[in-house]
PDB file of N, CA and C in Angstrom:
ATOM      1  N   UNK A   1     -30.384 -26.521 -18.654  1.00  0.00           N
ATOM      2  CA  UNK A   1     -29.855 -25.917 -17.470  1.00  0.00           C
ATOM      3  C   UNK A   1     -30.920 -24.981 -16.808  1.00  0.00           C
ATOM      4  N   UNK A   2     -31.121 -25.018 -15.555  1.00  0.00           N
ATOM      5  CA  UNK A   2     -32.115 -24.107 -14.931  1.00  0.00           C
ATOM      6  C   UNK A   2     -31.428 -22.868 -14.379  1.00  0.00           C
ATOM      7  N   UNK A   3     -32.082 -21.904 -13.945  1.00  0.00           N
ATOM      8  CA  UNK A   3     -31.614 -20.700 -13.336  1.00  0.00           C
ATOM      9  C   UNK A   3     -30.890 -21.009 -12.006  1.00  0.00           C
ATOM     10  N   UNK A   4     -31.401 -22.052 -11.244  1.00  0.00           N
ATOM     11  CA  UNK A   4     -30.774 -22.346  -9.987  1.00  0.00           C
ATOM     12  C   UNK A   4     -29.399 -22.995 -10.294  1.00  0.00           C
ATOM     13  N   UNK A   5     -29.267 -23.824 -11.297  1.00  0.00           N
ATOM     14  CA  UNK A   5     -27.915 -24.337 -11.612  1.00  0.00           C
ATOM     15  C   UNK A   5     -27.040 -23.277 -12.105  1.00  0.00           C
ATOM     16  N   UNK A   6     -27.512 -22.408 -12.947  1.00  0.00           N
ATOM     17  CA  UNK A   6     -26.660 -21.312 -13.442  1.00  0.00           C
ATOM     18  C   UNK A   6     -26.167 -20.455 -12.230  1.00  0.00           C
ATOM     19  N   UNK A   7     -27.082 -20.135 -11.345  1.00  0.00           N
ATOM     20  CA  UNK A   7     -26.595 -19.240 -10.190  1.00  0.00           C
ATOM     21  C   UNK A   7     -25.709 -19.989  -9.309  1.00  0.00           C
ATOM     22  N   UNK A   8     -25.851 -21.312  -9.192  1.00  0.00           N
ATOM     23  CA  UNK A   8     -24.928 -22.111  -8.284  1.00  0.00           C
ATOM     24  C   UNK A   8     -23.500 -22.233  -8.874  1.00  0.00           C
ATOM     25  N   UNK A   9     -23.364 -22.142 -10.193  1.00  0.00           N
ATOM     26  CA  UNK A   9     -22.150 -22.264 -10.904  1.00  0.00           C
ATOM     27  C   UNK A   9     -21.325 -23.503 -10.565  1.00  0.00           C
ATOM     28  N   UNK A  10     -22.027 -24.647 -10.489  1.00  0.00           N
ATOM     29  CA  UNK A  10     -21.336 -25.889 -10.179  1.00  0.00           C
ATOM     30  C   UNK A  10     -20.673 -25.896  -8.857  1.00  0.00           C
ATOM     31  N   UNK A  11     -21.159 -25.230  -7.915  1.00  0.00           N
ATOM     32  CA  UNK A  11     -20.570 -25.176  -6.545  1.00  0.00           C
ATOM     33  C   UNK A  11     -19.486 -24.038  -6.357  1.00  0.00           C
ATOM     34  N   UNK A  12     -19.259 -23.312  -7.373  1.00  0.00           N
ATOM     35  CA  UNK A  12     -18.233 -22.316  -7.203  1.00  0.00           C
ATOM     36  C   UNK A  12     -18.913 -20.905  -7.078  1.00  0.00           C
ATOM     37  N   UNK A  13     -20.176 -20.855  -6.824  1.00  0.00           N
ATOM     38  CA  UNK A  13     -20.969 -19.625  -6.774  1.00  0.00           C
ATOM     39  C   UNK A  13     -20.318 -18.576  -5.796  1.00  0.00           C
ATOM     40  N   UNK A  14     -19.965 -18.989  -4.669  1.00  0.00           N
ATOM     41  CA  UNK A  14     -19.414 -18.000  -3.709  1.00  0.00           C
ATOM     42  C   UNK A  14     -18.131 -17.312  -4.300  1.00  0.00           C
ATOM     43  N   UNK A  15     -17.347 -18.072  -5.006  1.00  0.00           N
ATOM     44  CA  UNK A  15     -16.110 -17.448  -5.448  1.00  0.00           C
ATOM     45  C   UNK A  15     -16.454 -16.589  -6.721  1.00  0.00           C
ATOM     46  N   UNK A  16     -17.258 -17.050  -7.619  1.00  0.00           N
ATOM     47  CA  UNK A  16     -17.573 -16.326  -8.803  1.00  0.00           C
ATOM     48  C   UNK A  16     -18.400 -15.038  -8.486  1.00  0.00           C
ATOM     49  N   UNK A  17     -19.445 -15.198  -7.766  1.00  0.00           N
ATOM     50  CA  UNK A  17     -20.315 -14.059  -7.472  1.00  0.00           C
ATOM     51  C   UNK A  17     -19.619 -13.109  -6.506  1.00  0.00           C
ATOM     52  N   UNK A  18     -18.754 -13.579  -5.629  1.00  0.00           N
ATOM     53  CA  UNK A  18     -18.010 -12.797  -4.709  1.00  0.00           C
ATOM     54  C   UNK A  18     -17.023 -11.886  -5.479  1.00  0.00           C
ATOM     55  N   UNK A  19     -16.334 -12.551  -6.573  1.00  0.00           N
ATOM     56  CA  UNK A  19     -15.455 -11.801  -7.313  1.00  0.00           C
ATOM     57  C   UNK A  19     -16.156 -10.663  -8.132  1.00  0.00           C
ATOM     58  N   UNK A  20     -17.325 -10.983  -8.596  1.00  0.00           N
ATOM     59  CA  UNK A  20     -18.170  -9.928  -9.353  1.00  0.00           C
ATOM     60  C   UNK A  20     -18.450  -8.832  -8.404  1.00  0.00           C
ATOM     61  N   UNK A  21     -18.890  -9.260  -7.178  1.00  0.00           N
ATOM     62  CA  UNK A  21     -19.284  -8.242  -6.168  1.00  0.00           C
ATOM     63  C   UNK A  21     -18.169  -7.274  -5.732  1.00  0.00           C
ATOM     64  N   UNK A  22     -16.941  -7.907  -5.529  1.00  0.00           N
ATOM     65  CA  UNK A  22     -15.813  -7.147  -5.187  1.00  0.00           C
ATOM     66  C   UNK A  22     -15.353  -6.200  -6.277  1.00  0.00           C
ATOM     67  N   UNK A  23     -15.497  -6.685  -7.460  1.00  0.00           N
ATOM     68  CA  UNK A  23     -15.044  -5.870  -8.702  1.00  0.00           C
ATOM     69  C   UNK A  23     -16.083  -4.611  -8.788  1.00  0.00           C
ATOM     70  N   UNK A  24     -17.300  -4.906  -8.619  1.00  0.00           N
ATOM     71  CA  UNK A  24     -18.370  -3.820  -8.555  1.00  0.00           C
ATOM     72  C   UNK A  24     -18.125  -2.861  -7.516  1.00  0.00           C
ATOM     73  N   UNK A  25     -17.848  -3.389  -6.262  1.00  0.00           N
ATOM     74  CA  UNK A  25     -17.569  -2.411  -5.136  1.00  0.00           C
ATOM     75  C   UNK A  25     -16.331  -1.546  -5.434  1.00  0.00           C
ATOM     76  N   UNK A  26     -15.291  -2.057  -6.117  1.00  0.00           N
ATOM     77  CA  UNK A  26     -14.092  -1.381  -6.347  1.00  0.00           C
ATOM     78  C   UNK A  26     -14.385  -0.258  -7.456  1.00  0.00           C
ATOM     79  N   UNK A  27     -15.206  -0.589  -8.449  1.00  0.00           N
ATOM     80  CA  UNK A  27     -15.642   0.316  -9.444  1.00  0.00           C
ATOM     81  C   UNK A  27     -16.378   1.517  -8.790  1.00  0.00           C
ATOM     82  N   UNK A  28     -17.308   1.117  -7.908  1.00  0.00           N
ATOM     83  CA  UNK A  28     -18.164   2.242  -7.289  1.00  0.00           C
ATOM     84  C   UNK A  28     -17.265   3.071  -6.456  1.00  0.00           C
ATOM     85  N   UNK A  29     -16.368   2.500  -5.656  1.00  0.00           N
ATOM     86  CA  UNK A  29     -15.453   3.332  -4.841  1.00  0.00           C
ATOM     87  C   UNK A  29     -14.612   4.191  -5.685  1.00  0.00           C
ATOM     88  N   UNK A  30     -14.070   3.753  -6.844  1.00  0.00           N
ATOM     89  CA  UNK A  30     -13.191   4.514  -7.751  1.00  0.00           C
ATOM     90  C   UNK A  30     -14.041   5.667  -8.280  1.00  0.00           C
ATOM     91  N   UNK A  31     -15.248   5.508  -8.765  1.00  0.00           N
ATOM     92  CA  UNK A  31     -16.059   6.569  -9.210  1.00  0.00           C
ATOM     93  C   UNK A  31     -16.288   7.617  -8.166  1.00  0.00           C
ATOM     94  N   UNK A  32     -16.581   7.239  -6.880  1.00  0.00           N
ATOM     95  CA  UNK A  32     -16.787   8.138  -5.846  1.00  0.00           C
ATOM     96  C   UNK A  32     -15.551   8.989  -5.484  1.00  0.00           C
ATOM     97  N   UNK A  33     -14.352   8.244  -5.585  1.00  0.00           N
ATOM     98  CA  UNK A  33     -13.128   8.975  -5.339  1.00  0.00           C
ATOM     99  C   UNK A  33     -12.796   9.990  -6.419  1.00  0.00           C
ATOM    100  N   UNK A  34     -13.056   9.601  -7.648  1.00  0.00           N
ATOM    101  CA  UNK A  34     -12.770  10.532  -8.779  1.00  0.00           C
ATOM    102  C   UNK A  34     -13.716  11.806  -8.635  1.00  0.00           C
ATOM    103  N   UNK A  35     -15.008  11.509  -8.295  1.00  0.00           N
ATOM    104  CA  UNK A  35     -15.901  12.687  -8.066  1.00  0.00           C
ATOM    105  C   UNK A  35     -15.507  13.606  -7.041  1.00  0.00           C
ATOM    106  N   UNK A  36     -14.973  13.030  -5.894  1.00  0.00           N
ATOM    107  CA  UNK A  36     -14.584  13.766  -4.753  1.00  0.00           C
ATOM    108  C   UNK A  36     -13.366  14.592  -5.135  1.00  0.00           C
ATOM    109  N   UNK A  37     -12.367  13.917  -5.754  1.00  0.00           N
ATOM    110  CA  UNK A  37     -11.125  14.629  -6.186  1.00  0.00           C
ATOM    111  C   UNK A  37     -11.486  15.778  -7.064  1.00  0.00           C
ATOM    112  N   UNK A  38     -12.423  15.552  -8.055  1.00  0.00           N
ATOM    113  CA  UNK A  38     -12.786  16.567  -9.031  1.00  0.00           C
ATOM    114  C   UNK A  38     -13.412  17.826  -8.232  1.00  0.00           C
ATOM    115  N   UNK A  39     -14.266  17.465  -7.331  1.00  0.00           N
ATOM    116  CA  UNK A  39     -14.847  18.633  -6.529  1.00  0.00           C
ATOM    117  C   UNK A  39     -13.771  19.350  -5.783  1.00  0.00           C
ATOM    118  N   UNK A  40     -12.782  18.714  -5.132  1.00  0.00           N
ATOM    119  CA  UNK A  40     -11.766  19.447  -4.495  1.00  0.00           C
ATOM    120  C   UNK A  40     -10.860  20.318  -5.477  1.00  0.00           C
ATOM    121  N   UNK A  41     -10.610  19.716  -6.586  1.00  0.00           N
ATOM    122  CA  UNK A  41      -9.853  20.538  -7.602  1.00  0.00           C
ATOM    123  C   UNK A  41     -10.610  21.780  -8.034  1.00  0.00           C
ATOM    124  N   UNK A  42     -11.934  21.578  -8.294  1.00  0.00           N
ATOM    125  CA  UNK A  42     -12.636  22.751  -8.697  1.00  0.00           C
ATOM    126  C   UNK A  42     -12.805  23.792  -7.597  1.00  0.00           C
ATOM    127  N   UNK A  43     -12.912  23.391  -6.378  1.00  0.00           N
ATOM    128  CA  UNK A  43     -12.921  24.287  -5.277  1.00  0.00           C
ATOM    129  C   UNK A  43     -11.524  25.085  -5.111  1.00  0.00           C
ATOM    130  N   UNK A  44     -10.411  24.362  -5.357  1.00  0.00           N
ATOM    131  CA  UNK A  44      -9.160  24.995  -5.342  1.00  0.00           C
ATOM    132  C   UNK A  44      -8.931  26.015  -6.400  1.00  0.00           C
ATOM    133  N   UNK A  45      -9.441  25.763  -7.643  1.00  0.00           N
ATOM    134  CA  UNK A  45      -9.412  26.631  -8.656  1.00  0.00           C
ATOM    135  C   UNK A  45     -10.196  27.864  -8.507  1.00  0.00           C
ATOM    136  N   UNK A  46     -11.358  27.666  -7.886  1.00  0.00           N
ATOM    137  CA  UNK A  46     -12.245  28.737  -7.660  1.00  0.00           C
ATOM    138  C   UNK A  46     -11.574  29.675  -6.524  1.00  0.00           C
ATOM    139  N   UNK A  47     -11.019  29.120  -5.495  1.00  0.00           N
ATOM    140  CA  UNK A  47     -10.396  29.907  -4.537  1.00  0.00           C
ATOM    141  C   UNK A  47      -9.146  30.668  -5.077  1.00  0.00           C
ATOM    142  N   UNK A  48      -8.362  29.977  -5.930  1.00  0.00           N
ATOM    143  CA  UNK A  48      -7.245  30.622  -6.519  1.00  0.00           C
ATOM    144  C   UNK A  48      -7.663  31.834  -7.425  1.00  0.00           C
ATOM    145  N   UNK A  49      -8.699  31.597  -8.193  1.00  0.00           N
ATOM    146  CA  UNK A  49      -9.238  32.693  -9.085  1.00  0.00           C
ATOM    147  C   UNK A  49      -9.686  33.891  -8.246  1.00  0.00           C
ATOM    148  N   UNK A  50     -10.436  33.504  -7.173  1.00  0.00           N
ATOM    149  CA  UNK A  50     -10.917  34.733  -6.288  1.00  0.00           C
ATOM    150  C   UNK A  50      -9.739  35.413  -5.573  1.00  0.00           C
ATOM    151  N   UNK A  51      -8.700  34.646  -5.244  1.00  0.00           N
ATOM    152  CA  UNK A  51      -7.543  35.289  -4.649  1.00  0.00           C
ATOM    153  C   UNK A  51      -6.822  36.261  -5.588  1.00  0.00           C
ATOM    154  N   UNK A  52      -6.758  35.859  -6.846  1.00  0.00           N
ATOM    155  CA  UNK A  52      -6.107  36.686  -7.919  1.00  0.00           C
ATOM    156  C   UNK A  52      -7.028  37.885  -8.186  1.00  0.00           C
ATOM    157  N   UNK A  53      -8.343  37.778  -8.183  1.00  0.00           N
ATOM    158  CA  UNK A  53      -9.215  38.941  -8.423  1.00  0.00           C
ATOM    159  C   UNK A  53      -9.147  39.946  -7.261  1.00  0.00           C
ATOM    160  N   UNK A  54      -8.792  39.476  -6.015  1.00  0.00           N
ATOM    161  CA  UNK A  54      -8.741  40.342  -4.898  1.00  0.00           C
ATOM    162  C   UNK A  54      -7.517  41.232  -4.883  1.00  0.00           C
ATOM    163  N   UNK A  55      -6.464  40.821  -5.562  1.00  0.00           N
ATOM    164  CA  UNK A  55      -5.257  41.492  -5.621  1.00  0.00           C
ATOM    165  C   UNK A  55      -5.382  42.826  -6.354  1.00  0.00           C
TER     166      UNK A  55
END
């Protein structure tokens, strides 16, 4: 079996590699969303702590 045959996946390459690509894209989006949410939560905690200190 050559690399060309392996990458072609017996004619199903678009389905297989497309599925891998979509899964990778979803994982990347999930990681970015978690990072963004974490940043927002940390900002909220920082603001709440500063608001308590001001009282």
